Amino acid sequence: MLPQHIVAARATDVGRRTVYTRADLITAGMRGRDITTSVRAGHLLRVRRDRYVLADTDRDIIEAVRIGGRLSCLSLLRSLGAFVHRCERVHVAVEQGTSRLRPVDQERAIVHWVAPSGRGSPLHAAPLLDAVGQSVRCQRPRAAVATLDSLLHHGLVTSAQLEELFAAGAELCRARKRSLAEMRSCERPSRQRASVKRWIRRAAGSESLISVP
């Protein structure tokens, strides 16, 4: 389990503006020819139309933006330092109606089609709660519970936010709702994590094979 200060630092880094439009760069003082020169020199990458990143930007973010979406789901949570059982492909949230999508390598990325969100977010990352909801759908129950517990433990989300998320997502399965109820019933973090571990073992029918923070 990562220390709290490292998770907090990662959250700050992920939330920092990473992707820029041409207008952003011009507002920052660059001229058109400066942008062209920087791209040719490799200091800036033109990932797709009107989307620029620095050359050392995380590869998963570059891939998400190249496709036409934002980093989300398991990929975003992993970048924050939350526990994710397995994430072998880049998870990308693409808003319905988005045009000019780039080809997707199915072995490299998985696309989640999402409705336009009312939550504000930067150009490179989906809103955190949207990513949390997607992560529940993408994982088996015991892995999803471990991820939720990790998010709560690190203070990345609150129980109230998860309650709202589950209430709004009728398609989220009953087992996950039961796990959230168990987490809410625990008064102390240590008891909360113990309760989640017990639920995971019951759901698996044996000792859990995954580590819960």
C-alpha atoms as a PDB file:
ATOM      1  CA  MET A   1       0.000   0.000   0.000  1.00  0.00           C
ATOM      2  CA  LEU A   2       1.363   3.402  -0.965  1.00  0.00           C
ATOM      3  CA  PRO A   3       1.892   6.003   1.784  1.00  0.00           C
ATOM      4  CA  GLN A   4      -0.728   8.729   2.009  1.00  0.00           C
ATOM      5  CA  HIS A   5       1.672  11.508   1.019  1.00  0.00           C
ATOM      6  CA  ILE A   6       2.597   9.706  -2.201  1.00  0.00           C
ATOM      7  CA  VAL A   7      -1.064   9.206  -3.131  1.00  0.00           C
ATOM      8  CA  ALA A   8      -1.754  12.871  -2.369  1.00  0.00           C
ATOM      9  CA  ALA A   9       1.173  13.917  -4.579  1.00  0.00           C
ATOM     10  CA  ARG A  10      -0.041  11.674  -7.395  1.00  0.00           C
ATOM     11  CA  ALA A  11      -3.538  13.114  -7.142  1.00  0.00           C
ATOM     12  CA  THR A  12      -2.081  16.592  -7.488  1.00  0.00           C
ATOM     13  CA  ASP A  13       0.007  15.556 -10.495  1.00  0.00           C
ATOM     14  CA  VAL A  14      -2.887  13.825 -12.256  1.00  0.00           C
ATOM     15  CA  GLY A  15      -5.152  16.810 -11.670  1.00  0.00           C
ATOM     16  CA  ARG A  16      -2.618  19.273 -13.071  1.00  0.00           C
ATOM     17  CA  ARG A  17      -3.226  20.497 -16.609  1.00  0.00           C
ATOM     18  CA  THR A  18      -1.359  18.213 -18.999  1.00  0.00           C
ATOM     19  CA  VAL A  19      -3.058  18.668 -22.368  1.00  0.00           C
ATOM     20  CA  TYR A  20      -3.219  22.045 -24.101  1.00  0.00           C
ATOM     21  CA  THR A  21      -5.148  23.516 -26.978  1.00  0.00           C
ATOM     22  CA  ARG A  22      -3.551  25.900 -29.457  1.00  0.00           C
ATOM     23  CA  ALA A  23      -5.468  28.724 -27.781  1.00  0.00           C
ATOM     24  CA  ASP A  24      -3.978  27.721 -24.402  1.00  0.00           C
ATOM     25  CA  LEU A  25      -0.454  27.915 -25.792  1.00  0.00           C
ATOM     26  CA  ILE A  26      -1.040  31.256 -27.468  1.00  0.00           C
ATOM     27  CA  THR A  27      -2.563  32.641 -24.268  1.00  0.00           C
ATOM     28  CA  ALA A  28       0.597  31.489 -22.483  1.00  0.00           C
ATOM     29  CA  GLY A  29       2.656  33.647 -24.831  1.00  0.00           C
ATOM     30  CA  MET A  30       3.609  31.336 -27.682  1.00  0.00           C
ATOM     31  CA  ARG A  31       3.199  32.327 -31.310  1.00  0.00           C
ATOM     32  CA  GLY A  32       2.105  30.018 -34.087  1.00  0.00           C
ATOM     33  CA  ARG A  33       5.641  29.559 -35.343  1.00  0.00           C
ATOM     34  CA  ASP A  34       6.846  28.866 -31.775  1.00  0.00           C
ATOM     35  CA  ILE A  35       4.362  26.005 -31.544  1.00  0.00           C
ATOM     36  CA  THR A  36       5.490  24.630 -34.910  1.00  0.00           C
ATOM     37  CA  THR A  37       9.151  24.862 -33.927  1.00  0.00           C
ATOM     38  CA  SER A  38       8.519  23.141 -30.584  1.00  0.00           C
ATOM     39  CA  VAL A  39       6.652  20.300 -32.269  1.00  0.00           C
ATOM     40  CA  ARG A  40       9.419  19.819 -34.848  1.00  0.00           C
ATOM     41  CA  ALA A  41      12.033  19.835 -32.104  1.00  0.00           C
ATOM     42  CA  GLY A  42      10.112  17.223 -30.127  1.00  0.00           C
ATOM     43  CA  HIS A  43       9.481  19.418 -27.091  1.00  0.00           C
ATOM     44  CA  LEU A  44       5.738  19.413 -27.796  1.00  0.00           C
ATOM     45  CA  LEU A  45       3.723  16.553 -29.230  1.00  0.00           C
ATOM     46  CA  ARG A  46       0.652  17.203 -31.353  1.00  0.00           C
ATOM     47  CA  VAL A  47      -1.395  14.221 -30.238  1.00  0.00           C
ATOM     48  CA  ARG A  48      -4.476  15.007 -32.307  1.00  0.00           C
ATOM     49  CA  ARG A  49      -6.160  18.051 -33.776  1.00  0.00           C
ATOM     50  CA  ASP A  50      -5.811  20.972 -31.342  1.00  0.00           C
ATOM     51  CA  ARG A  51      -4.337  18.796 -28.577  1.00  0.00           C
ATOM     52  CA  TYR A  52      -0.720  19.262 -27.498  1.00  0.00           C
ATOM     53  CA  VAL A  53       1.271  17.660 -24.682  1.00  0.00           C
ATOM     54  CA  LEU A  54       4.819  17.886 -23.392  1.00  0.00           C
ATOM     55  CA  ALA A  55       7.147  15.156 -24.627  1.00  0.00           C
ATOM     56  CA  ASP A  56       7.472  13.552 -21.164  1.00  0.00           C
ATOM     57  CA  THR A  57       3.724  13.186 -20.614  1.00  0.00           C
ATOM     58  CA  ASP A  58       2.535   9.806 -19.352  1.00  0.00           C
ATOM     59  CA  ARG A  59       2.082   7.359 -22.250  1.00  0.00           C
ATOM     60  CA  ASP A  60      -1.389   6.279 -21.094  1.00  0.00           C
ATOM     61  CA  ILE A  61      -2.592   9.882 -21.127  1.00  0.00           C
ATOM     62  CA  ILE A  62      -1.160  10.377 -24.602  1.00  0.00           C
ATOM     63  CA  GLU A  63      -2.940   7.262 -25.863  1.00  0.00           C
ATOM     64  CA  ALA A  64      -6.270   8.312 -24.324  1.00  0.00           C
ATOM     65  CA  VAL A  65      -6.097  11.771 -25.864  1.00  0.00           C
ATOM     66  CA  ARG A  66      -4.883  10.392 -29.191  1.00  0.00           C
ATOM     67  CA  ILE A  67      -7.978   8.216 -29.403  1.00  0.00           C
ATOM     68  CA  GLY A  68     -10.209  11.180 -28.638  1.00  0.00           C
ATOM     69  CA  GLY A  69     -11.071  10.728 -24.977  1.00  0.00           C
ATOM     70  CA  ARG A  70      -9.775  10.998 -21.443  1.00  0.00           C
ATOM     71  CA  LEU A  71      -7.942   8.608 -19.146  1.00  0.00           C
ATOM     72  CA  SER A  72     -10.535   6.925 -16.928  1.00  0.00           C
ATOM     73  CA  CYS A  73     -11.690   3.832 -15.057  1.00  0.00           C
ATOM     74  CA  LEU A  74      -8.951   1.508 -13.799  1.00  0.00           C
ATOM     75  CA  SER A  75      -6.173   3.406 -15.576  1.00  0.00           C
ATOM     76  CA  LEU A  76      -6.996   6.688 -13.867  1.00  0.00           C
ATOM     77  CA  LEU A  77      -7.422   5.096 -10.428  1.00  0.00           C
ATOM     78  CA  ARG A  78      -4.128   3.238 -10.783  1.00  0.00           C
ATOM     79  CA  SER A  79      -2.355   6.465 -11.732  1.00  0.00           C
ATOM     80  CA  LEU A  80      -3.657   7.991  -8.501  1.00  0.00           C
ATOM     81  CA  GLY A  81      -2.214   5.150  -6.434  1.00  0.00           C
ATOM     82  CA  ALA A  82      -5.499   3.406  -5.592  1.00  0.00           C
ATOM     83  CA  PHE A  83      -5.541  -0.385  -5.463  1.00  0.00           C
ATOM     84  CA  VAL A  84      -6.472  -1.995  -8.786  1.00  0.00           C
ATOM     85  CA  HIS A  85      -6.310  -5.767  -9.112  1.00  0.00           C
ATOM     86  CA  ARG A  86      -5.489  -5.882 -12.810  1.00  0.00           C
ATOM     87  CA  CYS A  87      -5.230  -3.245 -15.519  1.00  0.00           C
ATOM     88  CA  GLU A  88      -3.627  -4.540 -18.688  1.00  0.00           C
ATOM     89  CA  ARG A  89      -5.085  -2.020 -21.132  1.00  0.00           C
ATOM     90  CA  VAL A  90      -5.560   1.741 -21.152  1.00  0.00           C
ATOM     91  CA  HIS A  91      -9.134   2.615 -20.177  1.00  0.00           C
ATOM     92  CA  VAL A  92     -10.426   5.605 -22.129  1.00  0.00           C
ATOM     93  CA  ALA A  93     -13.690   7.494 -21.597  1.00  0.00           C
ATOM     94  CA  VAL A  94     -15.097   8.886 -24.835  1.00  0.00           C
ATOM     95  CA  GLU A  95     -18.197  11.063 -24.808  1.00  0.00           C
ATOM     96  CA  GLN A  96     -21.070   9.902 -26.986  1.00  0.00           C
ATOM     97  CA  GLY A  97     -21.173  11.875 -30.201  1.00  0.00           C
ATOM     98  CA  THR A  98     -17.424  12.461 -30.330  1.00  0.00           C
ATOM     99  CA  SER A  99     -16.238  12.564 -33.927  1.00  0.00           C
ATOM    100  CA  ARG A 100     -12.916  11.877 -35.624  1.00  0.00           C
ATOM    101  CA  LEU A 101     -11.928   9.086 -33.282  1.00  0.00           C
ATOM    102  CA  ARG A 102      -8.557   7.555 -33.992  1.00  0.00           C
ATOM    103  CA  PRO A 103      -8.226   3.789 -34.536  1.00  0.00           C
ATOM    104  CA  VAL A 104      -8.163   1.800 -31.302  1.00  0.00           C
ATOM    105  CA  ASP A 105      -5.767  -1.085 -30.784  1.00  0.00           C
ATOM    106  CA  GLN A 106      -7.973  -3.555 -28.898  1.00  0.00           C
ATOM    107  CA  GLU A 107      -4.937  -5.116 -27.258  1.00  0.00           C
ATOM    108  CA  ARG A 108      -3.737  -1.752 -26.021  1.00  0.00           C
ATOM    109  CA  ALA A 109      -6.892   0.157 -25.063  1.00  0.00           C
ATOM    110  CA  ILE A 110     -10.529  -0.268 -24.092  1.00  0.00           C
ATOM    111  CA  VAL A 111     -13.057   2.482 -24.807  1.00  0.00           C
ATOM    112  CA  HIS A 112     -15.923   3.358 -22.461  1.00  0.00           C
ATOM    113  CA  TRP A 113     -18.658   5.332 -24.220  1.00  0.00           C
ATOM    114  CA  VAL A 114     -20.074   7.801 -21.714  1.00  0.00           C
ATOM    115  CA  ALA A 115     -22.756  10.451 -21.655  1.00  0.00           C
ATOM    116  CA  PRO A 116     -21.481  14.038 -21.335  1.00  0.00           C
ATOM    117  CA  SER A 117     -20.763  14.602 -17.663  1.00  0.00           C
ATOM    118  CA  GLY A 118     -21.843  17.640 -15.737  1.00  0.00           C
ATOM    119  CA  ARG A 119     -18.693  17.365 -13.644  1.00  0.00           C
ATOM    120  CA  GLY A 120     -15.806  19.530 -14.731  1.00  0.00           C
ATOM    121  CA  SER A 121     -12.609  17.770 -15.751  1.00  0.00           C
ATOM    122  CA  PRO A 122      -9.333  18.524 -17.540  1.00  0.00           C
ATOM    123  CA  LEU A 123      -8.742  17.496 -21.147  1.00  0.00           C
ATOM    124  CA  HIS A 124      -6.717  14.436 -20.177  1.00  0.00           C
ATOM    125  CA  ALA A 125      -8.642  12.805 -17.308  1.00  0.00           C
ATOM    126  CA  ALA A 126     -12.275  11.926 -16.665  1.00  0.00           C
ATOM    127  CA  PRO A 127     -14.021  13.132 -13.493  1.00  0.00           C
ATOM    128  CA  LEU A 128     -12.937  10.931 -10.590  1.00  0.00           C
ATOM    129  CA  LEU A 129     -16.415   9.742  -9.621  1.00  0.00           C
ATOM    130  CA  ASP A 130     -17.139   8.787 -13.219  1.00  0.00           C
ATOM    131  CA  ALA A 131     -13.949   6.727 -13.226  1.00  0.00           C
ATOM    132  CA  VAL A 132     -14.938   5.077  -9.940  1.00  0.00           C
ATOM    133  CA  GLY A 133     -18.311   4.056 -11.360  1.00  0.00           C
ATOM    134  CA  GLN A 134     -16.670   2.621 -14.460  1.00  0.00           C
ATOM    135  CA  SER A 135     -14.150   0.711 -12.351  1.00  0.00           C
ATOM    136  CA  VAL A 136     -16.962  -1.053 -10.491  1.00  0.00           C
ATOM    137  CA  ARG A 137     -18.449  -2.252 -13.771  1.00  0.00           C
ATOM    138  CA  CYS A 138     -15.046  -3.374 -15.086  1.00  0.00           C
ATOM    139  CA  GLN A 139     -14.053  -5.581 -12.162  1.00  0.00           C
ATOM    140  CA  ARG A 140     -15.276  -8.666 -10.385  1.00  0.00           C
ATOM    141  CA  PRO A 141     -17.084  -7.903  -7.088  1.00  0.00           C
ATOM    142  CA  ARG A 142     -14.216  -8.700  -4.737  1.00  0.00           C
ATOM    143  CA  ALA A 143     -11.742  -6.625  -6.763  1.00  0.00           C
ATOM    144  CA  ALA A 144     -14.228  -3.744  -6.997  1.00  0.00           C
ATOM    145  CA  VAL A 145     -14.719  -3.758  -3.232  1.00  0.00           C
ATOM    146  CA  ALA A 146     -10.963  -3.687  -2.668  1.00  0.00           C
ATOM    147  CA  THR A 147     -10.683  -0.684  -4.991  1.00  0.00           C
ATOM    148  CA  LEU A 148     -13.498   1.165  -3.202  1.00  0.00           C
ATOM    149  CA  ASP A 149     -11.909   0.489   0.168  1.00  0.00           C
ATOM    150  CA  SER A 150      -8.556   1.748  -1.089  1.00  0.00           C
ATOM    151  CA  LEU A 151     -10.157   4.950  -2.405  1.00  0.00           C
ATOM    152  CA  LEU A 152     -11.823   5.541   0.969  1.00  0.00           C
ATOM    153  CA  HIS A 153      -8.659   4.742   2.892  1.00  0.00           C
ATOM    154  CA  HIS A 154      -6.625   7.266   0.906  1.00  0.00           C
ATOM    155  CA  GLY A 155      -9.316   9.932   1.181  1.00  0.00           C
ATOM    156  CA  LEU A 156      -9.767  10.151  -2.582  1.00  0.00           C
ATOM    157  CA  VAL A 157     -13.535   9.765  -2.167  1.00  0.00           C
ATOM    158  CA  THR A 158     -15.942   9.893   0.764  1.00  0.00           C
ATOM    159  CA  SER A 159     -18.649   7.467   1.829  1.00  0.00           C
ATOM    160  CA  ALA A 160     -21.235  10.119   0.982  1.00  0.00           C
ATOM    161  CA  GLN A 161     -19.890  10.408  -2.557  1.00  0.00           C
ATOM    162  CA  LEU A 162     -20.033   6.639  -3.005  1.00  0.00           C
ATOM    163  CA  GLU A 163     -23.593   6.573  -1.684  1.00  0.00           C
ATOM    164  CA  GLU A 164     -24.563   9.157  -4.295  1.00  0.00           C
ATOM    165  CA  LEU A 165     -22.759   7.229  -7.009  1.00  0.00           C
ATOM    166  CA  PHE A 166     -24.473   3.962  -6.177  1.00  0.00           C
ATOM    167  CA  ALA A 167     -27.867   5.603  -5.850  1.00  0.00           C
ATOM    168  CA  ALA A 168     -27.526   7.103  -9.326  1.00  0.00           C
ATOM    169  CA  GLY A 169     -26.271   3.896 -10.968  1.00  0.00           C
ATOM    170  CA  ALA A 170     -29.128   1.428 -10.923  1.00  0.00           C
ATOM    171  CA  GLU A 171     -27.124  -0.909 -13.161  1.00  0.00           C
ATOM    172  CA  LEU A 172     -24.439  -1.407 -10.511  1.00  0.00           C
ATOM    173  CA  CYS A 173     -25.009  -4.847  -9.132  1.00  0.00           C
ATOM    174  CA  ARG A 174     -26.628  -5.619  -5.786  1.00  0.00           C
ATOM    175  CA  ALA A 175     -23.494  -7.266  -4.428  1.00  0.00           C
ATOM    176  CA  ARG A 176     -21.523  -4.056  -4.728  1.00  0.00           C
ATOM    177  CA  LYS A 177     -24.292  -2.123  -2.995  1.00  0.00           C
ATOM    178  CA  ARG A 178     -24.155  -4.623  -0.135  1.00  0.00           C
ATOM    179  CA  SER A 179     -20.410  -4.111   0.135  1.00  0.00           C
ATOM    180  CA  LEU A 180     -20.887  -0.346   0.366  1.00  0.00           C
ATOM    181  CA  ALA A 181     -23.474  -0.833   3.116  1.00  0.00           C
ATOM    182  CA  GLU A 182     -20.961  -2.882   5.082  1.00  0.00           C
ATOM    183  CA  MET A 183     -18.304  -0.205   4.665  1.00  0.00           C
ATOM    184  CA  ARG A 184     -20.716   2.497   5.887  1.00  0.00           C
ATOM    185  CA  SER A 185     -21.614   0.456   8.969  1.00  0.00           C
ATOM    186  CA  CYS A 186     -18.042   0.413  10.255  1.00  0.00           C
ATOM    187  CA  GLU A 187     -17.092   3.284  12.542  1.00  0.00           C
ATOM    188  CA  ARG A 188     -13.302   2.999  12.339  1.00  0.00           C
ATOM    189  CA  PRO A 189     -11.073   2.586   9.247  1.00  0.00           C
ATOM    190  CA  SER A 190      -9.500  -0.600  10.661  1.00  0.00           C
ATOM    191  CA  ARG A 191     -12.924  -2.165  11.189  1.00  0.00           C
ATOM    192  CA  GLN A 192     -13.978  -0.960   7.764  1.00  0.00           C
ATOM    193  CA  ARG A 193     -11.091  -2.734   6.053  1.00  0.00           C
ATOM    194  CA  ALA A 194     -11.662  -5.913   8.104  1.00  0.00           C
ATOM    195  CA  SER A 195     -15.312  -5.903   7.084  1.00  0.00           C
ATOM    196  CA  VAL A 196     -14.409  -5.549   3.411  1.00  0.00           C
ATOM    197  CA  LYS A 197     -11.945  -8.432   3.680  1.00  0.00           C
ATOM    198  CA  ARG A 198     -14.641 -10.644   5.235  1.00  0.00           C
ATOM    199  CA  TRP A 199     -17.058  -9.751   2.444  1.00  0.00           C
ATOM    200  CA  ILE A 200     -14.456 -10.511  -0.196  1.00  0.00           C
ATOM    201  CA  ARG A 201     -13.770 -13.931   1.312  1.00  0.00           C
ATOM    202  CA  ARG A 202     -17.470 -14.743   1.469  1.00  0.00           C
ATOM    203  CA  ALA A 203     -17.933 -13.672  -2.141  1.00  0.00           C
ATOM    204  CA  ALA A 204     -14.973 -15.759  -3.256  1.00  0.00           C
ATOM    205  CA  GLY A 205     -15.909 -18.770  -1.142  1.00  0.00           C
ATOM    206  CA  SER A 206     -12.342 -18.953   0.191  1.00  0.00           C
ATOM    207  CA  GLU A 207      -9.447 -16.841   1.330  1.00  0.00           C
ATOM    208  CA  SER A 208      -8.996 -13.870  -0.961  1.00  0.00           C
ATOM    209  CA  LEU A 209      -6.070 -14.072  -3.370  1.00  0.00           C
ATOM    210  CA  ILE A 210      -5.771 -10.309  -3.688  1.00  0.00           C
ATOM    211  CA  SER A 211      -4.207  -7.940  -1.242  1.00  0.00           C
ATOM    212  CA  VAL A 212      -6.537  -5.399   0.292  1.00  0.00           C
ATOM    213  CA  PRO A 213      -4.875  -2.213   1.553  1.00  0.00           C
END
